[in-house]
Amino acid sequence: MAVDRVVADVSATERAVVGLCHDINNRLASVSAYAFVLAKRGQLGDAAEPIQAQLDGLTHSVRLIRSLCRDVTYEAGPLSLSVIAEGATELMVHYPEGQVRFDADLTEEGGVVRCNWAEALRSMLIAGAWLRRGLPRNEAAVVKVRPGASPNSISLEAQIDQPAETGEVLLPDNQGKGVSMERIGDRAVLISFTPTS
């Protein structure tokens, strides 16, 4: 059986992760419903609020994981740099090599790029991991996110004072559609988007 070309562009592992996210969401919805019923009956007592907070946190984490996977239907649209920076920061809060915080540094003209959400996030994470190289794990890296010099591009610059150099090479996401990443300084990256739809 032939695989649709659009579907073939999204790896089997990503499609499997999407399926797992849907399954986990369904299970979380069921558990949330049970917790709601038990709370209404007064059977959870003081535990109702903490249980619901944990369930809400799990649901949010599943959404973050899902946001890294590309859809089989590629959609590019206008996205705010502030929103992209916020999403990327949430994803890198528990990054094993150390936290990265993306701060949108916008001009009066604002900061909007036309791109695909998942590809923007994936590129930001790759750039953030490279920009924080050499920092101790317990030290958070702050990365300024600004509109790039060309349309539909983002400039990222780590606010790091002379960290140890590791010789690590910036490797872009080879699955990105119309996304290029370029080192423009020791601690600076330019991500450019060429929307394909």
N, C-alpha and C. Protein backbone atom coordinates (compact mmCIF):
# COMPACT_ATOMS: atom_id res chain seq x y z
N MET A 1 0.85 -1.18 0.00
CA MET A 1 0.00 0.00 0.00
C MET A 1 0.89 1.24 0.00
N ALA A 2 0.64 2.16 -0.90
CA ALA A 2 1.43 3.38 -0.99
C ALA A 2 1.04 4.35 0.12
N VAL A 3 2.04 5.04 0.66
CA VAL A 3 1.79 6.04 1.70
C VAL A 3 1.65 7.39 1.02
N ASP A 4 0.62 8.14 1.41
CA ASP A 4 0.41 9.48 0.88
C ASP A 4 1.69 10.29 1.07
N ARG A 5 2.09 11.07 0.06
CA ARG A 5 3.36 11.82 0.11
C ARG A 5 3.43 12.74 1.31
N VAL A 6 2.31 13.41 1.64
CA VAL A 6 2.31 14.34 2.78
C VAL A 6 2.56 13.57 4.07
N VAL A 7 1.92 12.41 4.22
CA VAL A 7 2.11 11.59 5.41
C VAL A 7 3.53 11.06 5.45
N ALA A 8 4.09 10.69 4.30
CA ALA A 8 5.44 10.15 4.24
C ALA A 8 6.48 11.17 4.69
N ASP A 9 6.18 12.45 4.56
CA ASP A 9 7.11 13.49 4.99
C ASP A 9 7.23 13.57 6.51
N VAL A 10 6.27 13.02 7.24
CA VAL A 10 6.32 13.01 8.70
C VAL A 10 6.76 11.60 9.13
N SER A 11 7.84 11.53 9.90
CA SER A 11 8.42 10.24 10.24
C SER A 11 7.44 9.37 11.04
N ALA A 12 7.65 8.07 10.95
CA ALA A 12 6.81 7.11 11.68
C ALA A 12 6.91 7.35 13.18
N THR A 13 8.10 7.72 13.65
CA THR A 13 8.25 7.95 15.09
C THR A 13 7.39 9.13 15.54
N GLU A 14 7.37 10.20 14.74
CA GLU A 14 6.54 11.35 15.11
C GLU A 14 5.06 11.00 15.07
N ARG A 15 4.65 10.23 14.06
CA ARG A 15 3.24 9.83 13.98
C ARG A 15 2.88 8.94 15.16
N ALA A 16 3.84 8.08 15.59
CA ALA A 16 3.60 7.23 16.76
C ALA A 16 3.46 8.08 18.02
N VAL A 17 4.29 9.11 18.17
CA VAL A 17 4.20 9.99 19.34
C VAL A 17 2.85 10.71 19.35
N VAL A 18 2.40 11.16 18.20
CA VAL A 18 1.08 11.82 18.11
C VAL A 18 -0.01 10.85 18.58
N GLY A 19 0.07 9.60 18.13
CA GLY A 19 -0.91 8.60 18.55
C GLY A 19 -0.87 8.37 20.06
N LEU A 20 0.34 8.29 20.62
CA LEU A 20 0.48 8.10 22.07
C LEU A 20 -0.08 9.31 22.82
N CYS A 21 0.17 10.51 22.31
CA CYS A 21 -0.37 11.72 22.96
C CYS A 21 -1.89 11.69 22.98
N HIS A 22 -2.49 11.28 21.87
CA HIS A 22 -3.96 11.18 21.84
C HIS A 22 -4.46 10.16 22.85
N ASP A 23 -3.77 9.01 22.92
CA ASP A 23 -4.16 7.97 23.87
C ASP A 23 -4.04 8.47 25.31
N ILE A 24 -2.92 9.13 25.63
CA ILE A 24 -2.74 9.66 26.99
C ILE A 24 -3.80 10.71 27.31
N ASN A 25 -4.09 11.58 26.33
CA ASN A 25 -5.15 12.59 26.55
C ASN A 25 -6.49 11.94 26.84
N ASN A 26 -6.81 10.89 26.10
CA ASN A 26 -8.08 10.19 26.33
C ASN A 26 -8.13 9.60 27.74
N ARG A 27 -7.03 8.99 28.16
CA ARG A 27 -6.97 8.41 29.51
C ARG A 27 -7.05 9.50 30.59
N LEU A 28 -6.35 10.63 30.35
CA LEU A 28 -6.41 11.74 31.30
C LEU A 28 -7.82 12.31 31.40
N ALA A 29 -8.52 12.36 30.27
CA ALA A 29 -9.90 12.85 30.29
C ALA A 29 -10.78 11.93 31.12
N SER A 30 -10.56 10.62 30.99
CA SER A 30 -11.34 9.65 31.78
C SER A 30 -11.05 9.80 33.27
N VAL A 31 -9.76 9.89 33.63
CA VAL A 31 -9.39 10.03 35.04
C VAL A 31 -9.93 11.35 35.60
N SER A 32 -9.87 12.41 34.80
CA SER A 32 -10.40 13.71 35.23
C SER A 32 -11.90 13.62 35.49
N ALA A 33 -12.59 12.89 34.63
CA ALA A 33 -14.04 12.72 34.81
C ALA A 33 -14.33 11.96 36.11
N TYR A 34 -13.58 10.89 36.36
CA TYR A 34 -13.76 10.15 37.61
C TYR A 34 -13.47 11.03 38.82
N ALA A 35 -12.39 11.81 38.73
CA ALA A 35 -12.03 12.69 39.85
C ALA A 35 -13.12 13.73 40.08
N PHE A 36 -13.68 14.25 38.99
CA PHE A 36 -14.76 15.24 39.12
C PHE A 36 -15.97 14.64 39.84
N VAL A 37 -16.36 13.43 39.43
CA VAL A 37 -17.51 12.76 40.04
C VAL A 37 -17.25 12.48 41.52
N LEU A 38 -16.06 11.96 41.82
CA LEU A 38 -15.72 11.66 43.22
C LEU A 38 -15.67 12.93 44.06
N ALA A 39 -15.18 14.01 43.48
CA ALA A 39 -15.13 15.29 44.22
C ALA A 39 -16.53 15.80 44.48
N LYS A 40 -17.42 15.68 43.49
CA LYS A 40 -18.81 16.12 43.66
C LYS A 40 -19.51 15.32 44.75
N ARG A 41 -19.14 14.08 44.89
CA ARG A 41 -19.72 13.22 45.93
C ARG A 41 -19.04 13.42 47.28
N GLY A 42 -18.02 14.25 47.30
CA GLY A 42 -17.31 14.52 48.55
C GLY A 42 -16.38 13.42 48.98
N GLN A 43 -16.03 12.53 48.07
CA GLN A 43 -15.20 11.39 48.42
C GLN A 43 -13.69 11.65 48.34
N LEU A 44 -13.31 12.79 47.79
CA LEU A 44 -11.88 13.11 47.70
C LEU A 44 -11.42 14.06 48.80
N GLY A 45 -12.36 14.71 49.43
CA GLY A 45 -12.02 15.63 50.52
C GLY A 45 -11.03 16.71 50.08
N ASP A 46 -10.00 16.91 50.89
CA ASP A 46 -8.99 17.93 50.60
C ASP A 46 -8.08 17.55 49.43
N ALA A 47 -8.15 16.31 48.99
CA ALA A 47 -7.28 15.86 47.90
C ALA A 47 -7.81 16.26 46.52
N ALA A 48 -9.06 16.71 46.43
CA ALA A 48 -9.67 17.01 45.13
C ALA A 48 -8.87 18.05 44.35
N GLU A 49 -8.52 19.14 45.00
CA GLU A 49 -7.81 20.23 44.31
C GLU A 49 -6.40 19.81 43.87
N PRO A 50 -5.59 19.20 44.75
CA PRO A 50 -4.26 18.78 44.29
C PRO A 50 -4.30 17.72 43.18
N ILE A 51 -5.28 16.81 43.26
CA ILE A 51 -5.39 15.79 42.21
C ILE A 51 -5.71 16.45 40.88
N GLN A 52 -6.66 17.39 40.89
CA GLN A 52 -7.02 18.07 39.65
C GLN A 52 -5.86 18.90 39.11
N ALA A 53 -5.10 19.53 39.99
CA ALA A 53 -3.94 20.32 39.56
C ALA A 53 -2.91 19.42 38.87
N GLN A 54 -2.69 18.22 39.42
CA GLN A 54 -1.74 17.28 38.80
C GLN A 54 -2.24 16.79 37.44
N LEU A 55 -3.54 16.52 37.36
CA LEU A 55 -4.12 16.09 36.08
C LEU A 55 -4.01 17.19 35.04
N ASP A 56 -4.27 18.43 35.44
CA ASP A 56 -4.15 19.57 34.52
C ASP A 56 -2.70 19.73 34.06
N GLY A 57 -1.75 19.54 34.99
CA GLY A 57 -0.33 19.63 34.64
C GLY A 57 0.08 18.55 33.65
N LEU A 58 -0.41 17.33 33.85
CA LEU A 58 -0.12 16.24 32.91
C LEU A 58 -0.69 16.54 31.52
N THR A 59 -1.92 17.05 31.49
CA THR A 59 -2.55 17.40 30.21
C THR A 59 -1.72 18.46 29.49
N HIS A 60 -1.24 19.45 30.23
CA HIS A 60 -0.42 20.50 29.63
C HIS A 60 0.89 19.93 29.09
N SER A 61 1.51 19.03 29.83
CA SER A 61 2.76 18.42 29.38
C SER A 61 2.56 17.61 28.10
N VAL A 62 1.45 16.89 28.01
CA VAL A 62 1.15 16.12 26.80
C VAL A 62 0.98 17.07 25.62
N ARG A 63 0.32 18.20 25.83
CA ARG A 63 0.16 19.18 24.75
C ARG A 63 1.51 19.72 24.29
N LEU A 64 2.42 19.97 25.24
CA LEU A 64 3.75 20.45 24.87
C LEU A 64 4.49 19.41 24.03
N ILE A 65 4.42 18.15 24.44
CA ILE A 65 5.07 17.08 23.67
C ILE A 65 4.47 17.02 22.27
N ARG A 66 3.14 17.07 22.21
CA ARG A 66 2.45 17.00 20.92
C ARG A 66 2.83 18.17 20.01
N SER A 67 3.11 19.33 20.61
CA SER A 67 3.42 20.51 19.80
C SER A 67 4.75 20.38 19.05
N LEU A 68 5.61 19.44 19.46
CA LEU A 68 6.88 19.24 18.78
C LEU A 68 6.76 18.36 17.54
N CYS A 69 5.63 17.68 17.40
CA CYS A 69 5.44 16.78 16.27
C CYS A 69 4.73 17.50 15.13
N ARG A 70 5.27 17.31 13.94
CA ARG A 70 4.66 17.94 12.77
C ARG A 70 3.39 17.23 12.37
N ASP A 71 2.46 17.97 11.83
CA ASP A 71 1.20 17.40 11.35
C ASP A 71 1.37 16.90 9.93
N VAL A 72 0.56 15.93 9.55
CA VAL A 72 0.60 15.46 8.17
C VAL A 72 0.06 16.54 7.23
N THR A 73 -0.78 17.42 7.75
CA THR A 73 -1.24 18.56 6.94
C THR A 73 -0.41 19.77 7.36
N TYR A 74 0.53 20.13 6.51
CA TYR A 74 1.46 21.22 6.82
C TYR A 74 0.73 22.55 6.77
N GLU A 75 0.81 23.30 7.86
CA GLU A 75 0.18 24.62 7.89
C GLU A 75 1.17 25.65 8.38
N ALA A 76 1.36 26.68 7.57
CA ALA A 76 2.18 27.81 7.99
C ALA A 76 1.25 28.99 8.18
N GLY A 77 1.51 29.78 9.19
CA GLY A 77 0.67 30.94 9.45
C GLY A 77 1.45 31.96 10.23
N PRO A 78 0.86 33.11 10.45
CA PRO A 78 1.55 34.14 11.23
C PRO A 78 1.59 33.75 12.71
N LEU A 79 2.79 33.79 13.27
CA LEU A 79 2.96 33.46 14.69
C LEU A 79 3.73 34.58 15.38
N SER A 80 3.31 34.89 16.57
CA SER A 80 3.97 35.91 17.38
C SER A 80 5.25 35.35 17.97
N LEU A 81 6.33 36.13 17.89
CA LEU A 81 7.58 35.70 18.50
C LEU A 81 7.43 35.52 20.01
N SER A 82 6.60 36.33 20.62
CA SER A 82 6.37 36.20 22.07
C SER A 82 5.77 34.84 22.40
N VAL A 83 4.81 34.40 21.60
CA VAL A 83 4.16 33.12 21.84
C VAL A 83 5.12 31.96 21.57
N ILE A 84 5.90 32.07 20.49
CA ILE A 84 6.88 31.03 20.20
C ILE A 84 7.92 30.94 21.31
N ALA A 85 8.39 32.11 21.77
CA ALA A 85 9.39 32.14 22.85
C ALA A 85 8.84 31.53 24.13
N GLU A 86 7.59 31.81 24.44
CA GLU A 86 6.96 31.25 25.63
C GLU A 86 6.85 29.74 25.54
N GLY A 87 6.42 29.23 24.38
CA GLY A 87 6.31 27.79 24.20
C GLY A 87 7.65 27.09 24.28
N ALA A 88 8.67 27.68 23.65
CA ALA A 88 10.01 27.08 23.67
C ALA A 88 10.58 27.08 25.09
N THR A 89 10.31 28.15 25.85
CA THR A 89 10.78 28.20 27.24
C THR A 89 10.15 27.09 28.06
N GLU A 90 8.85 26.89 27.90
CA GLU A 90 8.17 25.82 28.65
C GLU A 90 8.75 24.46 28.33
N LEU A 91 9.09 24.25 27.06
CA LEU A 91 9.65 22.96 26.66
C LEU A 91 11.05 22.75 27.21
N MET A 92 11.80 23.82 27.45
CA MET A 92 13.18 23.68 27.89
C MET A 92 13.37 23.88 29.40
N VAL A 93 12.26 23.94 30.13
CA VAL A 93 12.36 24.09 31.59
C VAL A 93 13.09 22.90 32.20
N HIS A 94 12.84 21.71 31.70
CA HIS A 94 13.44 20.50 32.25
C HIS A 94 14.47 19.88 31.31
N TYR A 95 15.06 20.69 30.46
CA TYR A 95 16.06 20.18 29.51
C TYR A 95 17.22 19.58 30.31
N PRO A 96 17.62 18.34 30.01
CA PRO A 96 18.64 17.65 30.82
C PRO A 96 19.97 18.39 30.96
N GLU A 97 20.40 19.11 29.93
CA GLU A 97 21.69 19.81 30.02
C GLU A 97 21.56 21.18 30.67
N GLY A 98 20.35 21.58 31.02
CA GLY A 98 20.14 22.86 31.69
C GLY A 98 19.07 23.69 31.01
N GLN A 99 18.39 24.46 31.80
CA GLN A 99 17.25 25.25 31.35
C GLN A 99 17.68 26.35 30.38
N VAL A 100 16.78 26.63 29.42
CA VAL A 100 16.95 27.75 28.51
C VAL A 100 15.69 28.60 28.58
N ARG A 101 15.86 29.91 28.79
CA ARG A 101 14.72 30.82 28.82
C ARG A 101 14.82 31.75 27.61
N PHE A 102 13.78 31.73 26.79
CA PHE A 102 13.73 32.56 25.60
C PHE A 102 12.93 33.83 25.94
N ASP A 103 13.57 34.99 25.79
CA ASP A 103 12.92 36.27 26.06
C ASP A 103 12.73 37.01 24.75
N ALA A 104 11.46 37.27 24.41
CA ALA A 104 11.18 38.03 23.19
C ALA A 104 11.56 39.49 23.42
N ASP A 105 12.39 40.01 22.56
CA ASP A 105 12.86 41.40 22.62
C ASP A 105 12.35 42.07 21.36
N LEU A 106 11.16 42.67 21.46
CA LEU A 106 10.47 43.15 20.27
C LEU A 106 10.53 44.66 20.14
N THR A 107 10.50 45.11 18.91
CA THR A 107 10.47 46.54 18.61
C THR A 107 9.02 47.00 18.56
N GLU A 108 8.82 48.29 18.31
CA GLU A 108 7.45 48.82 18.21
C GLU A 108 6.70 48.20 17.03
N GLU A 109 7.43 47.77 16.01
CA GLU A 109 6.78 47.14 14.85
C GLU A 109 6.24 45.76 15.20
N GLY A 110 6.62 45.25 16.36
CA GLY A 110 6.15 43.93 16.79
C GLY A 110 7.06 42.84 16.28
N GLY A 111 6.61 41.62 16.42
CA GLY A 111 7.40 40.49 15.97
C GLY A 111 6.51 39.34 15.58
N VAL A 112 6.25 39.24 14.28
CA VAL A 112 5.43 38.15 13.75
C VAL A 112 6.18 37.53 12.59
N VAL A 113 6.22 36.20 12.56
CA VAL A 113 6.82 35.49 11.43
C VAL A 113 5.79 34.51 10.88
N ARG A 114 5.89 34.24 9.60
CA ARG A 114 5.01 33.25 8.99
C ARG A 114 5.78 31.94 8.93
N CYS A 115 5.28 30.96 9.67
CA CYS A 115 5.98 29.67 9.75
C CYS A 115 5.02 28.62 10.29
N ASN A 116 5.52 27.41 10.39
CA ASN A 116 4.78 26.30 10.97
C ASN A 116 5.14 26.20 12.45
N TRP A 117 4.14 26.06 13.31
CA TRP A 117 4.34 26.06 14.77
C TRP A 117 5.36 25.02 15.21
N ALA A 118 5.17 23.77 14.81
CA ALA A 118 6.05 22.69 15.27
C ALA A 118 7.48 22.92 14.79
N GLU A 119 7.64 23.35 13.55
CA GLU A 119 8.99 23.57 13.03
C GLU A 119 9.66 24.76 13.69
N ALA A 120 8.88 25.78 14.03
CA ALA A 120 9.45 26.93 14.76
C ALA A 120 9.94 26.47 16.13
N LEU A 121 9.13 25.70 16.84
CA LEU A 121 9.53 25.23 18.17
C LEU A 121 10.74 24.31 18.09
N ARG A 122 10.73 23.39 17.15
CA ARG A 122 11.85 22.45 17.02
C ARG A 122 13.15 23.20 16.74
N SER A 123 13.09 24.18 15.85
CA SER A 123 14.28 24.97 15.52
C SER A 123 14.76 25.78 16.71
N MET A 124 13.82 26.35 17.47
CA MET A 124 14.18 27.13 18.65
C MET A 124 14.88 26.25 19.69
N LEU A 125 14.38 25.03 19.87
CA LEU A 125 14.99 24.12 20.84
C LEU A 125 16.40 23.72 20.42
N ILE A 126 16.58 23.43 19.15
CA ILE A 126 17.90 23.06 18.65
C ILE A 126 18.86 24.23 18.83
N ALA A 127 18.40 25.43 18.46
CA ALA A 127 19.25 26.62 18.61
C ALA A 127 19.54 26.90 20.08
N GLY A 128 18.52 26.78 20.94
CA GLY A 128 18.71 27.03 22.37
C GLY A 128 19.71 26.07 22.99
N ALA A 129 19.64 24.80 22.62
CA ALA A 129 20.58 23.81 23.15
C ALA A 129 22.00 24.14 22.71
N TRP A 130 22.15 24.57 21.46
CA TRP A 130 23.48 24.93 20.96
C TRP A 130 23.99 26.21 21.61
N LEU A 131 23.12 27.18 21.78
CA LEU A 131 23.52 28.46 22.35
C LEU A 131 23.97 28.33 23.81
N ARG A 132 23.41 27.38 24.55
CA ARG A 132 23.76 27.23 25.97
C ARG A 132 24.97 26.31 26.18
N ARG A 133 25.56 25.81 25.12
CA ARG A 133 26.67 24.86 25.24
C ARG A 133 27.77 25.42 26.15
N GLY A 134 28.31 24.53 26.96
CA GLY A 134 29.40 24.91 27.86
C GLY A 134 28.96 25.45 29.20
N LEU A 135 27.68 25.76 29.35
CA LEU A 135 27.20 26.27 30.64
C LEU A 135 26.99 25.12 31.62
N PRO A 136 27.20 25.35 32.91
CA PRO A 136 26.87 24.31 33.90
C PRO A 136 25.37 24.01 33.88
N ARG A 137 25.01 22.78 34.17
CA ARG A 137 23.60 22.37 34.12
C ARG A 137 22.71 23.18 35.05
N ASN A 138 23.24 23.62 36.17
CA ASN A 138 22.41 24.34 37.15
C ASN A 138 22.23 25.82 36.79
N GLU A 139 22.83 26.25 35.70
CA GLU A 139 22.72 27.65 35.29
C GLU A 139 21.80 27.77 34.08
N ALA A 140 20.75 28.58 34.22
CA ALA A 140 19.82 28.78 33.10
C ALA A 140 20.44 29.73 32.09
N ALA A 141 20.23 29.45 30.82
CA ALA A 141 20.69 30.33 29.76
C ALA A 141 19.54 31.23 29.35
N VAL A 142 19.82 32.51 29.18
CA VAL A 142 18.82 33.46 28.70
C VAL A 142 19.14 33.75 27.24
N VAL A 143 18.14 33.57 26.38
CA VAL A 143 18.32 33.79 24.95
C VAL A 143 17.35 34.87 24.50
N LYS A 144 17.88 35.94 23.95
CA LYS A 144 17.05 37.02 23.41
C LYS A 144 16.56 36.61 22.03
N VAL A 145 15.26 36.76 21.80
CA VAL A 145 14.64 36.42 20.53
C VAL A 145 14.15 37.71 19.89
N ARG A 146 14.64 37.98 18.68
CA ARG A 146 14.27 39.21 17.97
C ARG A 146 13.89 38.88 16.54
N PRO A 147 13.15 39.78 15.89
CA PRO A 147 12.92 39.58 14.45
C PRO A 147 14.26 39.60 13.72
N GLY A 148 14.41 38.74 12.74
CA GLY A 148 15.66 38.69 11.97
C GLY A 148 15.71 39.82 10.95
N ALA A 149 16.85 39.93 10.29
CA ALA A 149 17.05 41.00 9.31
C ALA A 149 16.19 40.79 8.06
N SER A 150 15.90 39.54 7.73
CA SER A 150 15.07 39.25 6.56
C SER A 150 13.66 38.88 7.01
N PRO A 151 12.69 39.00 6.10
CA PRO A 151 11.31 38.63 6.47
C PRO A 151 11.24 37.15 6.90
N ASN A 152 10.35 36.87 7.82
CA ASN A 152 10.14 35.51 8.31
C ASN A 152 11.42 34.86 8.83
N SER A 153 12.17 35.63 9.60
CA SER A 153 13.36 35.07 10.24
C SER A 153 13.40 35.53 11.69
N ILE A 154 14.09 34.74 12.50
CA ILE A 154 14.23 35.01 13.93
C ILE A 154 15.71 35.02 14.27
N SER A 155 16.11 36.01 15.01
CA SER A 155 17.48 36.10 15.50
C SER A 155 17.49 35.71 16.97
N LEU A 156 18.38 34.81 17.34
CA LEU A 156 18.51 34.38 18.73
C LEU A 156 19.94 34.65 19.20
N GLU A 157 20.06 35.25 20.37
CA GLU A 157 21.39 35.53 20.91
C GLU A 157 21.40 35.23 22.40
N ALA A 158 22.32 34.35 22.80
CA ALA A 158 22.45 33.97 24.21
C ALA A 158 23.14 35.09 24.98
N GLN A 159 22.59 35.39 26.14
CA GLN A 159 23.17 36.41 27.02
C GLN A 159 24.09 35.71 28.01
N ILE A 160 25.26 35.30 27.52
CA ILE A 160 26.19 34.50 28.29
C ILE A 160 27.55 35.17 28.27
N ASP A 161 28.16 35.32 29.45
CA ASP A 161 29.48 35.93 29.55
C ASP A 161 30.57 34.87 29.46
N GLN A 162 31.24 34.82 28.35
CA GLN A 162 32.41 33.98 28.12
C GLN A 162 32.30 32.57 28.71
N PRO A 163 31.32 31.78 28.27
CA PRO A 163 31.26 30.39 28.76
C PRO A 163 32.32 29.54 28.07
N ALA A 164 32.56 28.39 28.62
CA ALA A 164 33.52 27.46 28.02
C ALA A 164 33.03 27.04 26.64
N GLU A 165 33.93 27.02 25.67
CA GLU A 165 33.58 26.59 24.31
C GLU A 165 33.72 25.07 24.23
N THR A 166 32.78 24.43 23.55
CA THR A 166 32.78 22.97 23.47
C THR A 166 33.14 22.45 22.09
N GLY A 167 33.13 23.33 21.09
CA GLY A 167 33.38 22.89 19.72
C GLY A 167 32.17 22.24 19.08
N GLU A 168 31.03 22.28 19.76
CA GLU A 168 29.80 21.67 19.26
C GLU A 168 29.32 22.40 18.01
N VAL A 169 28.94 21.63 17.00
CA VAL A 169 28.48 22.20 15.72
C VAL A 169 26.96 22.39 15.76
N LEU A 170 26.50 23.49 15.20
CA LEU A 170 25.06 23.74 15.09
C LEU A 170 24.50 22.87 13.98
N LEU A 171 23.65 21.91 14.34
CA LEU A 171 23.04 21.01 13.37
C LEU A 171 21.55 21.29 13.29
N PRO A 172 21.05 21.78 12.16
CA PRO A 172 19.62 22.07 12.04
C PRO A 172 18.79 20.80 12.00
N ASP A 173 17.49 20.96 12.23
CA ASP A 173 16.54 19.86 12.15
C ASP A 173 16.45 19.44 10.69
N ASN A 174 16.94 18.25 10.36
CA ASN A 174 16.95 17.84 8.95
C ASN A 174 15.57 17.46 8.44
N GLN A 175 14.58 17.50 9.31
CA GLN A 175 13.21 17.21 8.88
C GLN A 175 12.41 18.48 8.62
N GLY A 176 13.01 19.64 8.88
CA GLY A 176 12.29 20.90 8.72
C GLY A 176 12.01 21.22 7.27
N LYS A 177 10.80 21.66 7.00
CA LYS A 177 10.40 22.04 5.65
C LYS A 177 10.59 23.54 5.51
N GLY A 178 11.49 23.96 4.66
CA GLY A 178 11.67 25.39 4.44
C GLY A 178 12.23 26.12 5.64
N VAL A 179 13.04 25.43 6.46
CA VAL A 179 13.66 26.06 7.63
C VAL A 179 15.17 25.98 7.47
N SER A 180 15.84 27.11 7.66
CA SER A 180 17.30 27.07 7.65
C SER A 180 17.81 27.73 8.92
N MET A 181 18.93 27.22 9.41
CA MET A 181 19.55 27.76 10.62
C MET A 181 21.00 28.09 10.29
N GLU A 182 21.41 29.27 10.74
CA GLU A 182 22.75 29.73 10.41
C GLU A 182 23.40 30.35 11.65
N ARG A 183 24.61 29.95 11.90
CA ARG A 183 25.39 30.56 12.99
C ARG A 183 25.81 31.95 12.53
N ILE A 184 25.45 32.98 13.31
CA ILE A 184 25.81 34.35 12.93
C ILE A 184 26.71 35.00 13.99
N GLY A 185 27.19 34.20 14.91
CA GLY A 185 28.08 34.67 15.96
C GLY A 185 28.40 33.53 16.90
N ASP A 186 29.29 33.78 17.86
CA ASP A 186 29.66 32.74 18.81
C ASP A 186 28.45 32.23 19.59
N ARG A 187 27.54 33.13 19.90
CA ARG A 187 26.34 32.78 20.67
C ARG A 187 25.10 33.35 20.00
N ALA A 188 25.08 33.31 18.66
CA ALA A 188 23.95 33.87 17.92
C ALA A 188 23.59 32.97 16.74
N VAL A 189 22.28 32.83 16.52
CA VAL A 189 21.75 31.99 15.44
C VAL A 189 20.65 32.75 14.73
N LEU A 190 20.59 32.56 13.40
CA LEU A 190 19.48 33.10 12.62
C LEU A 190 18.69 31.92 12.09
N ILE A 191 17.38 31.90 12.39
CA ILE A 191 16.48 30.89 11.85
C ILE A 191 15.61 31.56 10.81
N SER A 192 15.60 31.02 9.60
CA SER A 192 14.79 31.59 8.52
C SER A 192 13.74 30.58 8.08
N PHE A 193 12.55 31.08 7.84
CA PHE A 193 11.43 30.23 7.42
C PHE A 193 11.02 30.62 6.01
N THR A 194 10.86 29.61 5.16
CA THR A 194 10.32 29.81 3.83
C THR A 194 9.04 29.00 3.76
N PRO A 195 7.92 29.60 4.14
CA PRO A 195 6.66 28.84 4.20
C PRO A 195 6.35 28.20 2.84
N THR A 196 6.00 26.92 2.89
CA THR A 196 5.69 26.18 1.67
C THR A 196 4.20 26.15 1.40
N SER A 197 3.40 26.73 2.27
CA SER A 197 1.96 26.81 2.01
C SER A 197 1.39 27.99 2.74
